[in-house]
């Protein structure tokens, strides 16, 4: 396994662990021109978060939207979720 591939495998594993332990509202921001074949969020985290029973319904709704964009291979996703209660602090 070459260095770049090994690095991506490790990054995906760590990201999957992180996403599987998420709780409550999960916020994220995704830019445009996303390549779903190379971006860890599109390859791993969105699927792990989707199965995670501990995240909020609002987070799941935004993840479903993002997942539809990835599945349609729409590179102009440019969306995200930032819960308003994070700004109230």
N, C-alpha and C. Protein backbone atom coordinates (compact mmCIF):
# COMPACT_ATOMS: atom_id res chain seq x y z
N UNK A 1 0.86 -1.17 0.00
CA UNK A 1 0.00 0.00 0.00
C UNK A 1 0.90 1.23 0.00
N UNK A 2 0.65 2.16 -0.93
CA UNK A 2 1.50 3.34 -0.98
C UNK A 2 1.16 4.30 0.16
N UNK A 3 2.03 5.28 0.38
CA UNK A 3 1.87 6.20 1.50
C UNK A 3 0.58 6.98 1.50
N UNK A 4 0.16 7.51 0.34
CA UNK A 4 -1.07 8.30 0.26
C UNK A 4 -2.29 7.44 0.54
N UNK A 5 -2.29 6.23 0.01
CA UNK A 5 -3.42 5.33 0.24
C UNK A 5 -3.49 4.91 1.70
N UNK A 6 -2.37 4.59 2.30
CA UNK A 6 -2.32 4.21 3.71
C UNK A 6 -2.82 5.36 4.59
N UNK A 7 -2.41 6.57 4.25
CA UNK A 7 -2.85 7.73 5.01
C UNK A 7 -4.36 7.89 4.93
N UNK A 8 -4.93 7.70 3.73
CA UNK A 8 -6.38 7.84 3.56
C UNK A 8 -7.12 6.76 4.34
N UNK A 9 -6.60 5.54 4.36
CA UNK A 9 -7.24 4.46 5.11
C UNK A 9 -7.25 4.78 6.60
N UNK A 10 -6.14 5.26 7.11
CA UNK A 10 -6.05 5.62 8.53
C UNK A 10 -7.00 6.77 8.84
N UNK A 11 -7.01 7.79 7.99
CA UNK A 11 -7.89 8.94 8.20
C UNK A 11 -9.35 8.51 8.20
N UNK A 12 -9.73 7.62 7.27
CA UNK A 12 -11.11 7.13 7.20
C UNK A 12 -11.47 6.34 8.45
N UNK A 13 -10.56 5.53 8.95
CA UNK A 13 -10.82 4.74 10.16
C UNK A 13 -11.03 5.66 11.36
N UNK A 14 -10.14 6.64 11.52
CA UNK A 14 -10.28 7.58 12.64
C UNK A 14 -11.56 8.41 12.52
N UNK A 15 -11.89 8.83 11.33
CA UNK A 15 -13.12 9.61 11.11
C UNK A 15 -14.35 8.79 11.42
N UNK A 16 -14.32 7.51 11.04
CA UNK A 16 -15.44 6.62 11.34
C UNK A 16 -15.64 6.44 12.83
N UNK A 17 -14.54 6.29 13.56
CA UNK A 17 -14.62 6.17 15.02
C UNK A 17 -15.19 7.45 15.62
N UNK A 18 -14.70 8.59 15.16
CA UNK A 18 -15.19 9.88 15.64
C UNK A 18 -16.69 10.01 15.39
N UNK A 19 -17.15 9.70 14.17
CA UNK A 19 -18.56 9.84 13.81
C UNK A 19 -19.43 8.85 14.59
N UNK A 20 -18.92 7.68 14.86
CA UNK A 20 -19.74 6.69 15.58
C UNK A 20 -19.93 7.07 17.04
N UNK A 21 -19.07 7.93 17.56
CA UNK A 21 -19.19 8.37 18.95
C UNK A 21 -19.88 9.72 19.11
N UNK A 22 -20.32 10.31 18.02
CA UNK A 22 -20.99 11.62 18.08
C UNK A 22 -22.32 11.50 18.81
N UNK A 23 -22.68 12.59 19.49
CA UNK A 23 -23.96 12.64 20.21
C UNK A 23 -24.58 14.00 20.02
N UNK A 24 -25.91 14.03 20.00
CA UNK A 24 -26.64 15.29 19.93
C UNK A 24 -26.58 15.90 18.54
N UNK A 25 -26.44 17.21 18.52
CA UNK A 25 -26.41 17.94 17.26
C UNK A 25 -25.01 17.89 16.66
N UNK A 26 -24.93 17.44 15.44
CA UNK A 26 -23.65 17.32 14.74
C UNK A 26 -23.63 18.39 13.67
N UNK A 27 -22.67 19.30 13.75
CA UNK A 27 -22.62 20.36 12.75
C UNK A 27 -21.49 20.10 11.77
N UNK A 28 -21.72 20.57 10.55
CA UNK A 28 -20.74 20.37 9.49
C UNK A 28 -20.95 21.41 8.41
N UNK A 29 -19.93 21.63 7.64
CA UNK A 29 -19.96 22.55 6.52
C UNK A 29 -19.23 21.89 5.36
N UNK A 30 -19.89 21.85 4.21
CA UNK A 30 -19.33 21.20 3.04
C UNK A 30 -19.31 22.22 1.91
N UNK A 31 -18.15 22.42 1.32
CA UNK A 31 -18.01 23.37 0.22
C UNK A 31 -18.47 22.80 -1.10
N UNK A 32 -18.33 23.58 -2.13
CA UNK A 32 -18.69 23.11 -3.46
C UNK A 32 -17.50 22.38 -4.10
N UNK A 33 -17.73 21.78 -5.24
CA UNK A 33 -16.73 21.00 -5.97
C UNK A 33 -16.20 19.83 -5.13
N UNK A 34 -17.12 19.16 -4.45
CA UNK A 34 -16.78 18.00 -3.62
C UNK A 34 -16.65 16.78 -4.50
N UNK A 35 -15.55 16.06 -4.36
CA UNK A 35 -15.36 14.80 -5.06
C UNK A 35 -15.70 13.68 -4.09
N UNK A 36 -16.86 13.05 -4.25
CA UNK A 36 -17.27 12.01 -3.29
C UNK A 36 -16.39 10.77 -3.31
N UNK A 37 -15.46 10.68 -4.25
CA UNK A 37 -14.55 9.54 -4.29
C UNK A 37 -13.29 9.76 -3.46
N UNK A 38 -13.05 10.99 -3.04
CA UNK A 38 -11.81 11.27 -2.31
C UNK A 38 -12.02 11.96 -0.96
N UNK A 39 -13.16 12.55 -0.71
CA UNK A 39 -13.39 13.27 0.54
C UNK A 39 -13.88 12.33 1.64
N UNK A 40 -13.21 12.35 2.77
CA UNK A 40 -13.50 11.43 3.87
C UNK A 40 -14.92 11.60 4.39
N UNK A 41 -15.42 12.82 4.46
CA UNK A 41 -16.79 13.02 4.96
C UNK A 41 -17.78 12.30 4.06
N UNK A 42 -17.61 12.45 2.75
CA UNK A 42 -18.52 11.82 1.78
C UNK A 42 -18.32 10.31 1.71
N UNK A 43 -17.10 9.84 1.90
CA UNK A 43 -16.81 8.41 1.80
C UNK A 43 -17.18 7.63 3.06
N UNK A 44 -17.04 8.26 4.22
CA UNK A 44 -17.13 7.52 5.47
C UNK A 44 -18.09 8.14 6.48
N UNK A 45 -17.81 9.38 6.87
CA UNK A 45 -18.52 9.96 8.01
C UNK A 45 -20.02 10.06 7.81
N UNK A 46 -20.46 10.46 6.64
CA UNK A 46 -21.90 10.63 6.43
C UNK A 46 -22.64 9.31 6.63
N UNK A 47 -22.05 8.20 6.21
CA UNK A 47 -22.68 6.89 6.35
C UNK A 47 -22.68 6.42 7.81
N UNK A 48 -21.57 6.67 8.50
CA UNK A 48 -21.48 6.28 9.92
C UNK A 48 -22.44 7.14 10.74
N UNK A 49 -22.48 8.43 10.49
CA UNK A 49 -23.40 9.31 11.22
C UNK A 49 -24.85 8.92 10.95
N UNK A 50 -25.14 8.54 9.74
CA UNK A 50 -26.51 8.15 9.37
C UNK A 50 -26.98 6.97 10.23
N UNK A 51 -26.09 6.05 10.56
CA UNK A 51 -26.44 4.87 11.37
C UNK A 51 -26.37 5.15 12.88
N UNK A 52 -25.82 6.29 13.26
CA UNK A 52 -25.61 6.61 14.66
C UNK A 52 -26.95 6.99 15.31
N UNK A 53 -27.43 6.20 16.28
CA UNK A 53 -28.72 6.50 16.92
C UNK A 53 -28.66 7.66 17.92
N UNK A 54 -27.48 8.18 18.19
CA UNK A 54 -27.31 9.19 19.23
C UNK A 54 -27.27 10.62 18.72
N UNK A 55 -27.48 10.84 17.43
CA UNK A 55 -27.46 12.22 16.93
C UNK A 55 -28.89 12.72 16.75
N UNK A 56 -29.03 14.02 16.75
CA UNK A 56 -30.34 14.66 16.73
C UNK A 56 -31.07 14.44 15.40
N UNK A 57 -32.40 14.52 15.44
CA UNK A 57 -33.18 14.40 14.21
C UNK A 57 -32.83 15.48 13.18
N UNK A 58 -32.51 16.69 13.66
CA UNK A 58 -32.14 17.78 12.75
C UNK A 58 -30.84 17.44 12.01
N UNK A 59 -29.89 16.88 12.74
CA UNK A 59 -28.63 16.48 12.12
C UNK A 59 -28.87 15.39 11.08
N UNK A 60 -29.73 14.43 11.41
CA UNK A 60 -30.04 13.35 10.47
C UNK A 60 -30.69 13.89 9.20
N UNK A 61 -31.57 14.89 9.34
CA UNK A 61 -32.21 15.50 8.17
C UNK A 61 -31.17 16.13 7.24
N UNK A 62 -30.23 16.87 7.82
CA UNK A 62 -29.20 17.50 7.00
C UNK A 62 -28.27 16.45 6.37
N UNK A 63 -27.98 15.40 7.10
CA UNK A 63 -27.15 14.33 6.55
C UNK A 63 -27.84 13.64 5.38
N UNK A 64 -29.15 13.45 5.47
CA UNK A 64 -29.89 12.83 4.38
C UNK A 64 -29.83 13.70 3.12
N UNK A 65 -29.95 15.03 3.30
CA UNK A 65 -29.82 15.94 2.16
C UNK A 65 -28.43 15.80 1.53
N UNK A 66 -27.42 15.84 2.36
CA UNK A 66 -26.05 15.73 1.87
C UNK A 66 -25.83 14.40 1.16
N UNK A 67 -26.34 13.33 1.75
CA UNK A 67 -26.18 12.01 1.15
C UNK A 67 -26.85 11.93 -0.23
N UNK A 68 -28.02 12.55 -0.36
CA UNK A 68 -28.67 12.58 -1.68
C UNK A 68 -27.79 13.29 -2.70
N UNK A 69 -27.16 14.37 -2.30
CA UNK A 69 -26.26 15.10 -3.21
C UNK A 69 -25.07 14.22 -3.60
N UNK A 70 -24.51 13.51 -2.64
CA UNK A 70 -23.37 12.63 -2.92
C UNK A 70 -23.80 11.52 -3.87
N UNK A 71 -24.96 10.92 -3.61
CA UNK A 71 -25.42 9.83 -4.46
C UNK A 71 -25.74 10.28 -5.87
N UNK A 72 -26.20 11.52 -6.02
CA UNK A 72 -26.45 12.07 -7.36
C UNK A 72 -25.16 12.54 -8.01
N UNK A 73 -24.07 12.50 -7.23
CA UNK A 73 -22.76 12.98 -7.68
C UNK A 73 -22.84 14.46 -8.07
N UNK A 74 -23.55 15.22 -7.26
CA UNK A 74 -23.70 16.65 -7.46
C UNK A 74 -22.52 17.35 -6.79
N UNK A 75 -21.58 17.89 -7.57
CA UNK A 75 -20.39 18.50 -6.97
C UNK A 75 -20.65 19.87 -6.36
N UNK A 76 -21.80 20.44 -6.60
CA UNK A 76 -22.11 21.78 -6.11
C UNK A 76 -22.94 21.74 -4.83
N UNK A 77 -22.55 20.89 -3.90
CA UNK A 77 -23.33 20.70 -2.68
C UNK A 77 -23.40 22.00 -1.88
N UNK A 78 -22.28 22.53 -1.49
CA UNK A 78 -22.20 23.80 -0.79
C UNK A 78 -23.24 23.99 0.29
N UNK A 79 -23.29 23.11 1.30
CA UNK A 79 -24.26 23.23 2.37
C UNK A 79 -23.66 22.86 3.69
N UNK A 80 -24.46 22.98 4.73
CA UNK A 80 -23.99 22.60 6.04
C UNK A 80 -25.05 22.80 7.08
N UNK A 81 -24.71 22.47 8.30
CA UNK A 81 -25.63 22.57 9.42
C UNK A 81 -24.88 23.11 10.61
N UNK A 82 -25.32 24.25 11.12
CA UNK A 82 -24.76 24.85 12.31
C UNK A 82 -25.92 25.18 13.24
N UNK A 83 -26.15 24.37 14.27
CA UNK A 83 -27.28 24.59 15.18
C UNK A 83 -27.21 25.96 15.82
N UNK A 84 -28.36 26.62 15.90
CA UNK A 84 -28.41 27.98 16.44
C UNK A 84 -27.98 28.05 17.90
N UNK A 85 -28.20 26.98 18.67
CA UNK A 85 -27.82 27.03 20.08
C UNK A 85 -26.31 27.06 20.27
N UNK A 86 -25.55 26.73 19.25
CA UNK A 86 -24.10 26.87 19.36
C UNK A 86 -23.68 28.34 19.32
N UNK A 87 -24.50 29.15 18.71
CA UNK A 87 -24.19 30.57 18.58
C UNK A 87 -24.63 31.37 19.80
N UNK A 88 -25.49 30.81 20.62
CA UNK A 88 -26.07 31.53 21.75
C UNK A 88 -25.09 31.71 22.91
N UNK A 89 -24.01 30.91 22.96
CA UNK A 89 -23.07 30.88 24.06
C UNK A 89 -22.56 32.17 24.45
